[in-house]
């Protein structure tokens, strides 16, 4: 079986995004349901895969990163309302047998992602 993982890279400060709150949702016909929450470690990663084993299923998911709270905790001067606050990455898992790595590269003014392995 595959697994789902993530990490956060703070390109403003050139370091991992430690202490970012993350929520994982599954998205179905009735809306989204919270599966798991976690906080990134000193390396900007979660301590364990977000999904693995039987929990790793094909479908639509969302990762929500509390980026604005992270930057505020770092002492970054942010506009009110924040330009980047919660970052939601909506993605699909086509095969439970594959690894899906969905990182967030973020600043207070921009973000991007890609599918890693």
C-alpha atoms as a PDB file:
ATOM      1  CA  UNK A   1       0.000   0.000   0.000  1.00  0.00           C
ATOM      2  CA  UNK A   2       1.005   3.566  -0.591  1.00  0.00           C
ATOM      3  CA  UNK A   3       0.926   6.522   1.744  1.00  0.00           C
ATOM      4  CA  UNK A   4       0.105  10.239   1.831  1.00  0.00           C
ATOM      5  CA  UNK A   5       2.637  12.666   3.255  1.00  0.00           C
ATOM      6  CA  UNK A   6       3.292  16.406   3.229  1.00  0.00           C
ATOM      7  CA  UNK A   7       5.754  19.008   4.346  1.00  0.00           C
ATOM      8  CA  UNK A   8       5.909  22.791   4.510  1.00  0.00           C
ATOM      9  CA  UNK A   9       8.747  24.930   3.176  1.00  0.00           C
ATOM     10  CA  UNK A  10       8.912  28.584   4.243  1.00  0.00           C
ATOM     11  CA  UNK A  11      10.716  30.247   1.339  1.00  0.00           C
ATOM     12  CA  UNK A  12      10.582  33.676   2.993  1.00  0.00           C
ATOM     13  CA  UNK A  13      12.995  32.506   5.659  1.00  0.00           C
ATOM     14  CA  UNK A  14      14.577  29.643   3.704  1.00  0.00           C
ATOM     15  CA  UNK A  15      13.673  26.966   6.240  1.00  0.00           C
ATOM     16  CA  UNK A  16      11.152  24.218   6.981  1.00  0.00           C
ATOM     17  CA  UNK A  17       7.778  25.417   8.245  1.00  0.00           C
ATOM     18  CA  UNK A  18       7.791  24.039  11.797  1.00  0.00           C
ATOM     19  CA  UNK A  19       4.599  24.263  13.842  1.00  0.00           C
ATOM     20  CA  UNK A  20       2.106  24.570  10.971  1.00  0.00           C
ATOM     21  CA  UNK A  21      -1.337  23.157  11.782  1.00  0.00           C
ATOM     22  CA  UNK A  22      -2.673  20.875   9.048  1.00  0.00           C
ATOM     23  CA  UNK A  23      -6.141  19.401   8.571  1.00  0.00           C
ATOM     24  CA  UNK A  24      -6.867  16.538   6.155  1.00  0.00           C
ATOM     25  CA  UNK A  25     -10.376  16.131   4.742  1.00  0.00           C
ATOM     26  CA  UNK A  26     -11.960  13.549   2.469  1.00  0.00           C
ATOM     27  CA  UNK A  27     -14.389  15.108  -0.021  1.00  0.00           C
ATOM     28  CA  UNK A  28     -17.499  13.181  -1.071  1.00  0.00           C
ATOM     29  CA  UNK A  29     -20.966  13.763  -2.446  1.00  0.00           C
ATOM     30  CA  UNK A  30     -22.157  15.034   0.961  1.00  0.00           C
ATOM     31  CA  UNK A  31     -19.271  17.503   1.381  1.00  0.00           C
ATOM     32  CA  UNK A  32     -16.025  17.148   3.245  1.00  0.00           C
ATOM     33  CA  UNK A  33     -15.259  15.216   6.425  1.00  0.00           C
ATOM     34  CA  UNK A  34     -12.281  15.768   8.692  1.00  0.00           C
ATOM     35  CA  UNK A  35      -9.978  12.730   8.779  1.00  0.00           C
ATOM     36  CA  UNK A  36      -6.987  13.974  10.710  1.00  0.00           C
ATOM     37  CA  UNK A  37      -5.183  17.000  12.115  1.00  0.00           C
ATOM     38  CA  UNK A  38      -1.471  17.317  12.757  1.00  0.00           C
ATOM     39  CA  UNK A  39       1.265  19.884  13.351  1.00  0.00           C
ATOM     40  CA  UNK A  40       4.541  19.919  11.431  1.00  0.00           C
ATOM     41  CA  UNK A  41       7.750  19.072  13.280  1.00  0.00           C
ATOM     42  CA  UNK A  42      11.121  20.898  13.185  1.00  0.00           C
ATOM     43  CA  UNK A  43      11.728  19.536   9.670  1.00  0.00           C
ATOM     44  CA  UNK A  44       8.365  20.902   8.442  1.00  0.00           C
ATOM     45  CA  UNK A  45       6.938  17.360   8.179  1.00  0.00           C
ATOM     46  CA  UNK A  46       4.332  15.348  10.017  1.00  0.00           C
ATOM     47  CA  UNK A  47       5.695  12.630  12.300  1.00  0.00           C
ATOM     48  CA  UNK A  48       3.782   9.906  10.448  1.00  0.00           C
ATOM     49  CA  UNK A  49       2.012   9.579   7.092  1.00  0.00           C
ATOM     50  CA  UNK A  50      -1.359  11.307   6.941  1.00  0.00           C
ATOM     51  CA  UNK A  51      -2.825   8.217   5.292  1.00  0.00           C
ATOM     52  CA  UNK A  52      -1.458   4.697   5.011  1.00  0.00           C
ATOM     53  CA  UNK A  53      -2.620   1.092   5.080  1.00  0.00           C
ATOM     54  CA  UNK A  54      -6.380   0.591   4.891  1.00  0.00           C
ATOM     55  CA  UNK A  55      -6.964   4.327   5.344  1.00  0.00           C
ATOM     56  CA  UNK A  56      -5.243   5.012   2.008  1.00  0.00           C
ATOM     57  CA  UNK A  57      -8.154   4.993  -0.446  1.00  0.00           C
ATOM     58  CA  UNK A  58      -8.730   6.492  -3.904  1.00  0.00           C
ATOM     59  CA  UNK A  59     -10.797   9.665  -3.790  1.00  0.00           C
ATOM     60  CA  UNK A  60     -10.809  13.430  -3.467  1.00  0.00           C
ATOM     61  CA  UNK A  61      -9.076  15.085  -0.533  1.00  0.00           C
ATOM     62  CA  UNK A  62      -8.176  18.506   0.816  1.00  0.00           C
ATOM     63  CA  UNK A  63      -5.203  19.556   2.911  1.00  0.00           C
ATOM     64  CA  UNK A  64      -5.727  22.824   4.792  1.00  0.00           C
ATOM     65  CA  UNK A  65      -2.590  24.540   6.107  1.00  0.00           C
ATOM     66  CA  UNK A  66      -2.796  27.323   8.737  1.00  0.00           C
ATOM     67  CA  UNK A  67      -0.108  29.366   6.989  1.00  0.00           C
ATOM     68  CA  UNK A  68      -1.233  32.765   8.276  1.00  0.00           C
ATOM     69  CA  UNK A  69      -1.066  31.618  11.891  1.00  0.00           C
ATOM     70  CA  UNK A  70       2.396  30.167  11.228  1.00  0.00           C
ATOM     71  CA  UNK A  71       3.738  33.451   9.804  1.00  0.00           C
ATOM     72  CA  UNK A  72       2.148  35.464  12.635  1.00  0.00           C
ATOM     73  CA  UNK A  73       3.879  33.186  15.165  1.00  0.00           C
ATOM     74  CA  UNK A  74       7.164  33.816  13.312  1.00  0.00           C
ATOM     75  CA  UNK A  75       6.767  37.550  13.911  1.00  0.00           C
ATOM     76  CA  UNK A  76       6.135  38.386  10.259  1.00  0.00           C
ATOM     77  CA  UNK A  77       4.211  41.658   9.852  1.00  0.00           C
ATOM     78  CA  UNK A  78       0.996  40.680   8.064  1.00  0.00           C
ATOM     79  CA  UNK A  79      -1.739  42.811   6.560  1.00  0.00           C
ATOM     80  CA  UNK A  80      -5.242  42.528   8.026  1.00  0.00           C
ATOM     81  CA  UNK A  81      -6.951  40.682   6.613  1.00  0.00           C
ATOM     82  CA  UNK A  82      -4.062  38.370   5.777  1.00  0.00           C
ATOM     83  CA  UNK A  83      -3.368  37.882   2.068  1.00  0.00           C
ATOM     84  CA  UNK A  84      -2.432  34.211   2.596  1.00  0.00           C
ATOM     85  CA  UNK A  85      -4.216  32.757   5.606  1.00  0.00           C
ATOM     86  CA  UNK A  86      -5.460  29.191   5.222  1.00  0.00           C
ATOM     87  CA  UNK A  87      -4.082  27.398   2.174  1.00  0.00           C
ATOM     88  CA  UNK A  88      -6.329  24.652   0.832  1.00  0.00           C
ATOM     89  CA  UNK A  89      -4.886  22.149  -1.603  1.00  0.00           C
ATOM     90  CA  UNK A  90      -7.566  20.015  -3.260  1.00  0.00           C
ATOM     91  CA  UNK A  91      -6.164  16.858  -4.862  1.00  0.00           C
ATOM     92  CA  UNK A  92      -7.083  13.350  -5.891  1.00  0.00           C
ATOM     93  CA  UNK A  93      -5.653   9.954  -5.057  1.00  0.00           C
ATOM     94  CA  UNK A  94      -6.128   7.645  -8.020  1.00  0.00           C
ATOM     95  CA  UNK A  95      -4.285   4.609  -6.673  1.00  0.00           C
ATOM     96  CA  UNK A  96      -3.943   3.476  -3.062  1.00  0.00           C
ATOM     97  CA  UNK A  97      -0.848   1.543  -4.120  1.00  0.00           C
ATOM     98  CA  UNK A  98       1.175   4.673  -4.879  1.00  0.00           C
ATOM     99  CA  UNK A  99       2.841   7.227  -2.633  1.00  0.00           C
ATOM    100  CA  UNK A 100       1.448  10.759  -2.737  1.00  0.00           C
ATOM    101  CA  UNK A 101       3.569  13.547  -1.313  1.00  0.00           C
ATOM    102  CA  UNK A 102       1.798  16.928  -1.360  1.00  0.00           C
ATOM    103  CA  UNK A 103       4.153  19.652  -0.109  1.00  0.00           C
ATOM    104  CA  UNK A 104       3.383  23.324   0.439  1.00  0.00           C
ATOM    105  CA  UNK A 105       5.963  25.940  -0.564  1.00  0.00           C
ATOM    106  CA  UNK A 106       4.727  29.170   0.989  1.00  0.00           C
ATOM    107  CA  UNK A 107       5.366  32.836   1.769  1.00  0.00           C
ATOM    108  CA  UNK A 108       2.912  35.364   3.239  1.00  0.00           C
ATOM    109  CA  UNK A 109       2.144  36.423  -0.367  1.00  0.00           C
ATOM    110  CA  UNK A 110       2.295  33.245  -2.463  1.00  0.00           C
ATOM    111  CA  UNK A 111       2.268  29.457  -2.420  1.00  0.00           C
ATOM    112  CA  UNK A 112       2.710  26.468  -4.694  1.00  0.00           C
ATOM    113  CA  UNK A 113       2.586  22.706  -4.558  1.00  0.00           C
ATOM    114  CA  UNK A 114       3.514  19.696  -6.638  1.00  0.00           C
ATOM    115  CA  UNK A 115       3.136  15.945  -6.485  1.00  0.00           C
ATOM    116  CA  UNK A 116       6.195  14.346  -4.998  1.00  0.00           C
ATOM    117  CA  UNK A 117       6.707  10.666  -4.257  1.00  0.00           C
END
